[in-house]
PDB file of N, CA and C in Angstrom:
ATOM      1  N   MET A   1       0.879  -1.118   0.089  1.00  0.00           N
ATOM      2  CA  MET A   1       0.017   0.026   0.125  1.00  0.00           C
ATOM      3  C   MET A   1       0.993   1.356  -0.035  1.00  0.00           C
ATOM      4  N   ASP A   2       0.523   2.359  -0.720  1.00  0.00           N
ATOM      5  CA  ASP A   2       1.197   3.579  -0.830  1.00  0.00           C
ATOM      6  C   ASP A   2       0.698   4.538   0.312  1.00  0.00           C
ATOM      7  N   PHE A   3       1.380   5.854   0.529  1.00  0.00           N
ATOM      8  CA  PHE A   3       0.873   6.849   1.277  1.00  0.00           C
ATOM      9  C   PHE A   3      -0.500   7.204   1.127  1.00  0.00           C
ATOM     10  N   ASN A   4      -1.279   7.069   0.406  1.00  0.00           N
ATOM     11  CA  ASN A   4      -2.637   7.562  -0.182  1.00  0.00           C
ATOM     12  C   ASN A   4      -3.488   6.089   0.139  1.00  0.00           C
ATOM     13  N   GLY A   5      -3.098   4.913   0.679  1.00  0.00           N
ATOM     14  CA  GLY A   5      -3.963   3.761   0.812  1.00  0.00           C
ATOM     15  C   GLY A   5      -4.304   3.117  -0.295  1.00  0.00           C
ATOM     16  N   HIS A   6      -3.543   3.491  -1.476  1.00  0.00           N
ATOM     17  CA  HIS A   6      -3.820   2.697  -2.776  1.00  0.00           C
ATOM     18  C   HIS A   6      -2.585   1.036  -2.870  1.00  0.00           C
ATOM     19  N   ILE A   7      -2.957   0.424  -3.536  1.00  0.00           N
ATOM     20  CA  ILE A   7      -2.245  -0.756  -3.864  1.00  0.00           C
ATOM     21  C   ILE A   7      -0.844  -0.153  -4.641  1.00  0.00           C
ATOM     22  N   ASN A   8       0.026  -0.610  -4.256  1.00  0.00           N
ATOM     23  CA  ASN A   8       1.460  -0.107  -4.631  1.00  0.00           C
ATOM     24  C   ASN A   8       1.905  -0.795  -5.983  1.00  0.00           C
ATOM     25  N   ASN A   9       2.395   0.030  -7.104  1.00  0.00           N
ATOM     26  CA  ASN A   9       2.476  -0.169  -8.335  1.00  0.00           C
ATOM     27  C   ASN A   9       3.257  -1.467  -8.587  1.00  0.00           C
ATOM     28  N   SER A  10       4.137  -1.928  -7.632  1.00  0.00           N
ATOM     29  CA  SER A  10       4.928  -2.975  -7.702  1.00  0.00           C
ATOM     30  C   SER A  10       4.008  -4.024  -7.730  1.00  0.00           C
ATOM     31  N   LYS A  11       2.810  -4.232  -7.165  1.00  0.00           N
ATOM     32  CA  LYS A  11       2.053  -5.369  -7.000  1.00  0.00           C
ATOM     33  C   LYS A  11       1.351  -5.877  -8.077  1.00  0.00           C
ATOM     34  N   TYR A  12       1.357  -4.784  -9.050  1.00  0.00           N
ATOM     35  CA  TYR A  12       0.641  -5.086 -10.409  1.00  0.00           C
ATOM     36  C   TYR A  12       1.477  -6.067 -11.007  1.00  0.00           C
ATOM     37  N   VAL A  13       2.633  -5.824 -11.126  1.00  0.00           N
ATOM     38  CA  VAL A  13       3.847  -6.688 -11.588  1.00  0.00           C
ATOM     39  C   VAL A  13       3.500  -8.459 -11.093  1.00  0.00           C
ATOM     40  N   ASP A  14       3.371  -8.312  -9.745  1.00  0.00           N
ATOM     41  CA  ASP A  14       3.152  -9.566  -9.235  1.00  0.00           C
ATOM     42  C   ASP A  14       1.934  -9.986  -9.664  1.00  0.00           C
ATOM     43  N   TYR A  15       0.943  -9.438  -9.760  1.00  0.00           N
ATOM     44  CA  TYR A  15      -0.464 -10.141 -10.344  1.00  0.00           C
ATOM     45  C   TYR A  15      -0.074 -10.446 -11.505  1.00  0.00           C
ATOM     46  N   ALA A  16       0.122  -9.598 -12.552  1.00  0.00           N
ATOM     47  CA  ALA A  16       0.569 -10.354 -13.732  1.00  0.00           C
ATOM     48  C   ALA A  16       1.409 -11.530 -13.863  1.00  0.00           C
ATOM     49  N   MET A  17       2.376 -11.385 -13.163  1.00  0.00           N
ATOM     50  CA  MET A  17       3.313 -12.707 -13.382  1.00  0.00           C
ATOM     51  C   MET A  17       2.674 -13.921 -12.721  1.00  0.00           C
ATOM     52  N   ASP A  18       1.718 -13.577 -11.727  1.00  0.00           N
ATOM     53  CA  ASP A  18       0.934 -14.760 -11.149  1.00  0.00           C
ATOM     54  C   ASP A  18       0.113 -15.435 -12.233  1.00  0.00           C
ATOM     55  N   CYS A  19      -0.075 -14.851 -13.244  1.00  0.00           N
ATOM     56  CA  CYS A  19      -1.272 -15.506 -14.349  1.00  0.00           C
ATOM     57  C   CYS A  19      -0.375 -16.531 -15.049  1.00  0.00           C
ATOM     58  N   PHE A  20       0.648 -16.827 -14.971  1.00  0.00           N
ATOM     59  CA  PHE A  20       1.753 -17.894 -15.344  1.00  0.00           C
ATOM     60  C   PHE A  20       1.979 -19.082 -14.392  1.00  0.00           C
ATOM     61  N   ASP A  21       2.073 -20.215 -14.642  1.00  0.00           N
ATOM     62  CA  ASP A  21       2.447 -21.375 -13.607  1.00  0.00           C
ATOM     63  C   ASP A  21       3.933 -21.312 -13.590  1.00  0.00           C
ATOM     64  N   VAL A  22       4.153 -22.223 -12.750  1.00  0.00           N
ATOM     65  CA  VAL A  22       5.706 -22.485 -12.279  1.00  0.00           C
ATOM     66  C   VAL A  22       6.617 -22.994 -13.496  1.00  0.00           C
ATOM     67  N   GLU A  23       5.570 -24.042 -14.120  1.00  0.00           N
ATOM     68  CA  GLU A  23       6.575 -24.486 -15.334  1.00  0.00           C
ATOM     69  C   GLU A  23       6.947 -23.381 -16.497  1.00  0.00           C
ATOM     70  N   ASN A  24       6.363 -22.297 -16.554  1.00  0.00           N
ATOM     71  CA  ASN A  24       6.460 -21.233 -17.408  1.00  0.00           C
ATOM     72  C   ASN A  24       7.625 -20.476 -16.992  1.00  0.00           C
ATOM     73  N   HIS A  25       7.537 -20.224 -15.699  1.00  0.00           N
ATOM     74  CA  HIS A  25       8.618 -19.554 -14.951  1.00  0.00           C
ATOM     75  C   HIS A  25       9.903 -20.115 -15.174  1.00  0.00           C
ATOM     76  N   LYS A  26       9.939 -21.679 -14.990  1.00  0.00           N
ATOM     77  CA  LYS A  26      11.211 -22.275 -15.053  1.00  0.00           C
ATOM     78  C   LYS A  26      11.581 -22.073 -16.712  1.00  0.00           C
ATOM     79  N   LYS A  27      10.998 -22.342 -17.639  1.00  0.00           N
ATOM     80  CA  LYS A  27      11.210 -22.423 -18.883  1.00  0.00           C
ATOM     81  C   LYS A  27      11.404 -21.085 -19.594  1.00  0.00           C
ATOM     82  N   TYR A  28      11.065 -20.191 -19.177  1.00  0.00           N
ATOM     83  CA  TYR A  28      10.917 -18.882 -19.676  1.00  0.00           C
ATOM     84  C   TYR A  28      11.559 -17.714 -18.653  1.00  0.00           C
ATOM     85  N   GLY A  29      12.000 -16.849 -19.006  1.00  0.00           N
ATOM     86  CA  GLY A  29      12.642 -15.538 -18.516  1.00  0.00           C
ATOM     87  C   GLY A  29      11.889 -14.438 -19.096  1.00  0.00           C
ATOM     88  N   VAL A  30      11.588 -13.141 -18.356  1.00  0.00           N
ATOM     89  CA  VAL A  30      11.025 -12.103 -18.814  1.00  0.00           C
ATOM     90  C   VAL A  30      11.972 -11.376 -19.600  1.00  0.00           C
ATOM     91  N   LYS A  31      11.717 -11.159 -20.844  1.00  0.00           N
ATOM     92  CA  LYS A  31      12.487 -10.275 -21.895  1.00  0.00           C
ATOM     93  C   LYS A  31      12.128  -8.843 -21.674  1.00  0.00           C
ATOM     94  N   SER A  32      10.700  -8.471 -21.604  1.00  0.00           N
ATOM     95  CA  SER A  32      10.383  -6.916 -21.286  1.00  0.00           C
ATOM     96  C   SER A  32       9.016  -7.063 -20.507  1.00  0.00           C
ATOM     97  N   ILE A  33       8.656  -6.038 -19.759  1.00  0.00           N
ATOM     98  CA  ILE A  33       7.362  -5.813 -19.273  1.00  0.00           C
ATOM     99  C   ILE A  33       6.776  -4.377 -19.333  1.00  0.00           C
ATOM    100  N   GLU A  34       5.720  -4.214 -19.833  1.00  0.00           N
ATOM    101  CA  GLU A  34       5.212  -2.700 -19.705  1.00  0.00           C
ATOM    102  C   GLU A  34       3.774  -2.892 -18.903  1.00  0.00           C
ATOM    103  N   ILE A  35       3.710  -1.827 -17.957  1.00  0.00           N
ATOM    104  CA  ILE A  35       2.350  -1.849 -17.397  1.00  0.00           C
ATOM    105  C   ILE A  35       1.827  -0.599 -17.397  1.00  0.00           C
ATOM    106  N   ASN A  36       0.714  -0.311 -17.713  1.00  0.00           N
ATOM    107  CA  ASN A  36      -0.096   0.998 -17.709  1.00  0.00           C
ATOM    108  C   ASN A  36      -0.854   1.133 -16.869  1.00  0.00           C
ATOM    109  N   TYR A  37      -0.881   1.933 -15.809  1.00  0.00           N
ATOM    110  CA  TYR A  37      -1.934   2.345 -14.837  1.00  0.00           C
ATOM    111  C   TYR A  37      -2.968   3.001 -15.037  1.00  0.00           C
ATOM    112  N   ILE A  38      -4.251   2.496 -15.153  1.00  0.00           N
ATOM    113  CA  ILE A  38      -5.434   3.482 -15.612  1.00  0.00           C
ATOM    114  C   ILE A  38      -5.896   3.949 -14.360  1.00  0.00           C
ATOM    115  N   VAL A  39      -6.337   3.263 -13.383  1.00  0.00           N
ATOM    116  CA  VAL A  39      -7.054   3.811 -12.320  1.00  0.00           C
ATOM    117  C   VAL A  39      -6.610   3.303 -11.093  1.00  0.00           C
ATOM    118  N   GLU A  40      -6.716   4.030  -9.739  1.00  0.00           N
ATOM    119  CA  GLU A  40      -6.234   3.512  -8.507  1.00  0.00           C
ATOM    120  C   GLU A  40      -7.012   2.336  -7.959  1.00  0.00           C
ATOM    121  N   ALA A  41      -6.235   1.261  -7.346  1.00  0.00           N
ATOM    122  CA  ALA A  41      -7.118   0.244  -6.810  1.00  0.00           C
ATOM    123  C   ALA A  41      -6.720   0.187  -5.280  1.00  0.00           C
ATOM    124  N   LEU A  42      -7.475   0.137  -4.622  1.00  0.00           N
ATOM    125  CA  LEU A  42      -7.619  -0.024  -3.093  1.00  0.00           C
ATOM    126  C   LEU A  42      -7.269  -1.395  -2.555  1.00  0.00           C
ATOM    127  N   PRO A  43      -6.689  -1.628  -1.454  1.00  0.00           N
ATOM    128  CA  PRO A  43      -6.691  -3.078  -0.598  1.00  0.00           C
ATOM    129  C   PRO A  43      -7.637  -3.847  -0.584  1.00  0.00           C
ATOM    130  N   GLU A  44      -8.943  -3.323  -0.572  1.00  0.00           N
ATOM    131  CA  GLU A  44     -10.228  -4.204  -0.583  1.00  0.00           C
ATOM    132  C   GLU A  44     -10.691  -4.561  -1.814  1.00  0.00           C
ATOM    133  N   ASP A  45     -10.229  -3.882  -3.016  1.00  0.00           N
ATOM    134  CA  ASP A  45     -10.877  -4.031  -4.181  1.00  0.00           C
ATOM    135  C   ASP A  45     -10.741  -5.620  -4.759  1.00  0.00           C
ATOM    136  N   VAL A  46     -11.257  -5.985  -5.329  1.00  0.00           N
ATOM    137  CA  VAL A  46     -11.152  -7.439  -6.090  1.00  0.00           C
ATOM    138  C   VAL A  46     -10.769  -7.291  -7.474  1.00  0.00           C
ATOM    139  N   LEU A  47      -9.743  -7.821  -7.938  1.00  0.00           N
ATOM    140  CA  LEU A  47      -9.518  -7.443  -9.361  1.00  0.00           C
ATOM    141  C   LEU A  47      -9.430  -8.912 -10.250  1.00  0.00           C
ATOM    142  N   VAL A  48      -9.948  -8.719 -11.291  1.00  0.00           N
ATOM    143  CA  VAL A  48     -10.314  -9.888 -12.242  1.00  0.00           C
ATOM    144  C   VAL A  48      -9.408  -9.787 -13.098  1.00  0.00           C
ATOM    145  N   LEU A  49      -8.371 -10.901 -13.286  1.00  0.00           N
ATOM    146  CA  LEU A  49      -7.196 -10.795 -14.524  1.00  0.00           C
ATOM    147  C   LEU A  49      -7.806 -11.330 -15.919  1.00  0.00           C
ATOM    148  N   TYR A  50      -7.469 -11.019 -16.730  1.00  0.00           N
ATOM    149  CA  TYR A  50      -7.465 -11.657 -17.919  1.00  0.00           C
ATOM    150  C   TYR A  50      -6.393 -11.527 -18.888  1.00  0.00           C
ATOM    151  N   LYS A  51      -6.013 -12.770 -19.455  1.00  0.00           N
ATOM    152  CA  LYS A  51      -4.582 -12.867 -20.156  1.00  0.00           C
ATOM    153  C   LYS A  51      -4.978 -13.673 -21.510  1.00  0.00           C
ATOM    154  N   ALA A  52      -4.286 -12.917 -22.445  1.00  0.00           N
ATOM    155  CA  ALA A  52      -4.240 -13.332 -23.796  1.00  0.00           C
ATOM    156  C   ALA A  52      -2.880 -13.539 -24.563  1.00  0.00           C
ATOM    157  N   VAL A  53      -2.450 -14.579 -25.135  1.00  0.00           N
ATOM    158  CA  VAL A  53      -1.358 -14.543 -25.980  1.00  0.00           C
ATOM    159  C   VAL A  53      -1.512 -14.170 -27.262  1.00  0.00           C
ATOM    160  N   SER A  54      -0.671 -13.176 -27.450  1.00  0.00           N
ATOM    161  CA  SER A  54      -0.553 -12.570 -28.958  1.00  0.00           C
ATOM    162  C   SER A  54      -0.285 -13.547 -30.045  1.00  0.00           C
ATOM    163  N   PRO A  55      -1.467 -13.389 -30.808  1.00  0.00           N
ATOM    164  CA  PRO A  55      -1.458 -14.315 -32.115  1.00  0.00           C
ATOM    165  C   PRO A  55      -0.166 -14.033 -32.976  1.00  0.00           C
ATOM    166  N   ALA A  56       0.329 -12.990 -33.017  1.00  0.00           N
ATOM    167  CA  ALA A  56       1.596 -12.574 -33.756  1.00  0.00           C
ATOM    168  C   ALA A  56       2.682 -13.059 -33.344  1.00  0.00           C
ATOM    169  N   ASN A  57       2.815 -13.352 -31.944  1.00  0.00           N
ATOM    170  CA  ASN A  57       4.104 -13.486 -31.264  1.00  0.00           C
ATOM    171  C   ASN A  57       3.664 -14.198 -30.156  1.00  0.00           C
ATOM    172  N   LYS A  58       3.828 -15.752 -30.129  1.00  0.00           N
ATOM    173  CA  LYS A  58       3.586 -16.401 -29.131  1.00  0.00           C
ATOM    174  C   LYS A  58       4.467 -16.240 -27.752  1.00  0.00           C
ATOM    175  N   ASN A  59       5.550 -15.331 -27.641  1.00  0.00           N
ATOM    176  CA  ASN A  59       6.026 -15.204 -26.513  1.00  0.00           C
ATOM    177  C   ASN A  59       5.245 -13.936 -25.769  1.00  0.00           C
ATOM    178  N   SER A  60       4.457 -13.317 -26.257  1.00  0.00           N
ATOM    179  CA  SER A  60       4.126 -11.797 -25.820  1.00  0.00           C
ATOM    180  C   SER A  60       2.774 -12.195 -25.299  1.00  0.00           C
ATOM    181  N   SER A  61       2.656 -11.885 -24.115  1.00  0.00           N
ATOM    182  CA  SER A  61       0.995 -12.070 -23.591  1.00  0.00           C
ATOM    183  C   SER A  61       0.694 -10.723 -22.827  1.00  0.00           C
ATOM    184  N   TYR A  62      -0.622 -10.614 -23.095  1.00  0.00           N
ATOM    185  CA  TYR A  62      -1.321  -9.505 -22.484  1.00  0.00           C
ATOM    186  C   TYR A  62      -1.970  -9.896 -21.262  1.00  0.00           C
ATOM    187  N   ILE A  63      -1.970  -8.746 -20.340  1.00  0.00           N
ATOM    188  CA  ILE A  63      -2.734  -9.273 -19.128  1.00  0.00           C
ATOM    189  C   ILE A  63      -3.216  -7.739 -18.717  1.00  0.00           C
ATOM    190  N   GLU A  64      -4.720  -7.803 -18.472  1.00  0.00           N
ATOM    191  CA  GLU A  64      -5.460  -6.849 -18.017  1.00  0.00           C
ATOM    192  C   GLU A  64      -6.111  -7.201 -16.755  1.00  0.00           C
ATOM    193  N   GLY A  65      -5.983  -6.226 -15.654  1.00  0.00           N
ATOM    194  CA  GLY A  65      -6.672  -6.236 -14.524  1.00  0.00           C
ATOM    195  C   GLY A  65      -7.971  -5.353 -14.541  1.00  0.00           C
ATOM    196  N   THR A  66      -9.071  -6.080 -13.909  1.00  0.00           N
ATOM    197  CA  THR A  66     -10.294  -5.193 -13.886  1.00  0.00           C
ATOM    198  C   THR A  66     -10.866  -5.254 -12.530  1.00  0.00           C
ATOM    199  N   ASN A  67     -11.430  -4.082 -12.129  1.00  0.00           N
ATOM    200  CA  ASN A  67     -12.090  -3.843 -10.715  1.00  0.00           C
ATOM    201  C   ASN A  67     -13.185  -4.652 -10.824  1.00  0.00           C
ATOM    202  N   GLU A  68     -13.675  -5.874  -9.866  1.00  0.00           N
ATOM    203  CA  GLU A  68     -14.543  -6.784 -10.137  1.00  0.00           C
ATOM    204  C   GLU A  68     -16.087  -5.993  -9.798  1.00  0.00           C
ATOM    205  N   LYS A  69     -15.942  -4.909  -8.869  1.00  0.00           N
ATOM    206  CA  LYS A  69     -17.444  -4.249  -8.676  1.00  0.00           C
ATOM    207  C   LYS A  69     -17.429  -3.077  -9.485  1.00  0.00           C
ATOM    208  N   SER A  70     -16.415  -2.285 -10.000  1.00  0.00           N
ATOM    209  CA  SER A  70     -17.077  -1.084 -10.759  1.00  0.00           C
ATOM    210  C   SER A  70     -16.770  -1.730 -12.333  1.00  0.00           C
ATOM    211  N   GLY A  71     -16.061  -2.485 -12.493  1.00  0.00           N
ATOM    212  CA  GLY A  71     -15.562  -2.819 -13.907  1.00  0.00           C
ATOM    213  C   GLY A  71     -14.772  -2.038 -14.579  1.00  0.00           C
ATOM    214  N   LYS A  72     -14.406  -1.160 -14.102  1.00  0.00           N
ATOM    215  CA  LYS A  72     -13.279  -0.383 -14.847  1.00  0.00           C
ATOM    216  C   LYS A  72     -11.933  -1.156 -14.685  1.00  0.00           C
ATOM    217  N   VAL A  73     -11.059  -0.939 -15.970  1.00  0.00           N
ATOM    218  CA  VAL A  73      -9.832  -1.714 -15.995  1.00  0.00           C
ATOM    219  C   VAL A  73      -8.744  -0.679 -15.034  1.00  0.00           C
ATOM    220  N   VAL A  74      -8.321  -1.369 -14.218  1.00  0.00           N
ATOM    221  CA  VAL A  74      -7.204  -0.738 -13.424  1.00  0.00           C
ATOM    222  C   VAL A  74      -5.875  -0.592 -13.890  1.00  0.00           C
ATOM    223  N   PHE A  75      -5.596  -1.764 -14.536  1.00  0.00           N
ATOM    224  CA  PHE A  75      -4.230  -1.832 -15.097  1.00  0.00           C
ATOM    225  C   PHE A  75      -3.840  -2.401 -16.466  1.00  0.00           C
ATOM    226  N   LYS A  76      -3.164  -2.425 -17.433  1.00  0.00           N
ATOM    227  CA  LYS A  76      -3.145  -3.166 -18.555  1.00  0.00           C
ATOM    228  C   LYS A  76      -1.466  -3.553 -18.656  1.00  0.00           C
ATOM    229  N   SER A  77      -1.416  -4.711 -19.112  1.00  0.00           N
ATOM    230  CA  SER A  77       0.230  -4.947 -19.245  1.00  0.00           C
ATOM    231  C   SER A  77       0.550  -5.755 -19.999  1.00  0.00           C
ATOM    232  N   GLN A  78       1.739  -5.765 -20.858  1.00  0.00           N
ATOM    233  CA  GLN A  78       2.175  -6.698 -21.947  1.00  0.00           C
ATOM    234  C   GLN A  78       3.297  -6.955 -21.580  1.00  0.00           C
ATOM    235  N   ILE A  79       3.805  -8.479 -21.572  1.00  0.00           N
ATOM    236  CA  ILE A  79       4.950  -8.986 -20.896  1.00  0.00           C
ATOM    237  C   ILE A  79       5.611 -10.067 -22.646  1.00  0.00           C
ATOM    238  N   GLU A  80       6.811  -9.945 -22.496  1.00  0.00           N
ATOM    239  CA  GLU A  80       7.094 -10.700 -23.429  1.00  0.00           C
ATOM    240  C   GLU A  80       8.408 -11.697 -22.842  1.00  0.00           C
ATOM    241  N   PHE A  81       8.226 -12.958 -23.147  1.00  0.00           N
ATOM    242  CA  PHE A  81       9.113 -13.983 -22.898  1.00  0.00           C
ATOM    243  C   PHE A  81      10.453 -14.485 -23.758  1.00  0.00           C
ATOM    244  N   GLU A  82      11.355 -15.067 -22.984  1.00  0.00           N
ATOM    245  CA  GLU A  82      12.182 -15.560 -24.120  1.00  0.00           C
ATOM    246  C   GLU A  82      12.765 -16.820 -22.980  1.00  0.00           C
ATOM    247  N   GLU A  83      12.985 -18.009 -23.785  1.00  0.00           N
ATOM    248  CA  GLU A  83      13.472 -19.171 -23.507  1.00  0.00           C
ATOM    249  C   GLU A  83      14.763 -18.702 -22.653  1.00  0.00           C
ATOM    250  N   LYS A  84      15.016 -19.688 -21.727  1.00  0.00           N
ATOM    251  CA  LYS A  84      16.331 -19.603 -20.696  1.00  0.00           C
ATOM    252  C   LYS A  84      17.223 -20.451 -21.141  1.00  0.00           C
TER     253      LYS A  84
END
């Protein structure tokens, strides 16, 4: 939590990385990660995470976190992996 009572920005990276299983983390490393923060989230908010793999690049995934109650997009992320 930050000084304003919002979820700390670093937690969004954790949320995005939690969308991948342990085997994925063992086989692939993160080549790049981009996170766009759209609206704040509070500790009591429930975020629903959506994951899609790029049809053009199988090593690139898109993660979106949406506030379950309001339906607002909280963050969007693009993660590119490479084999270890």
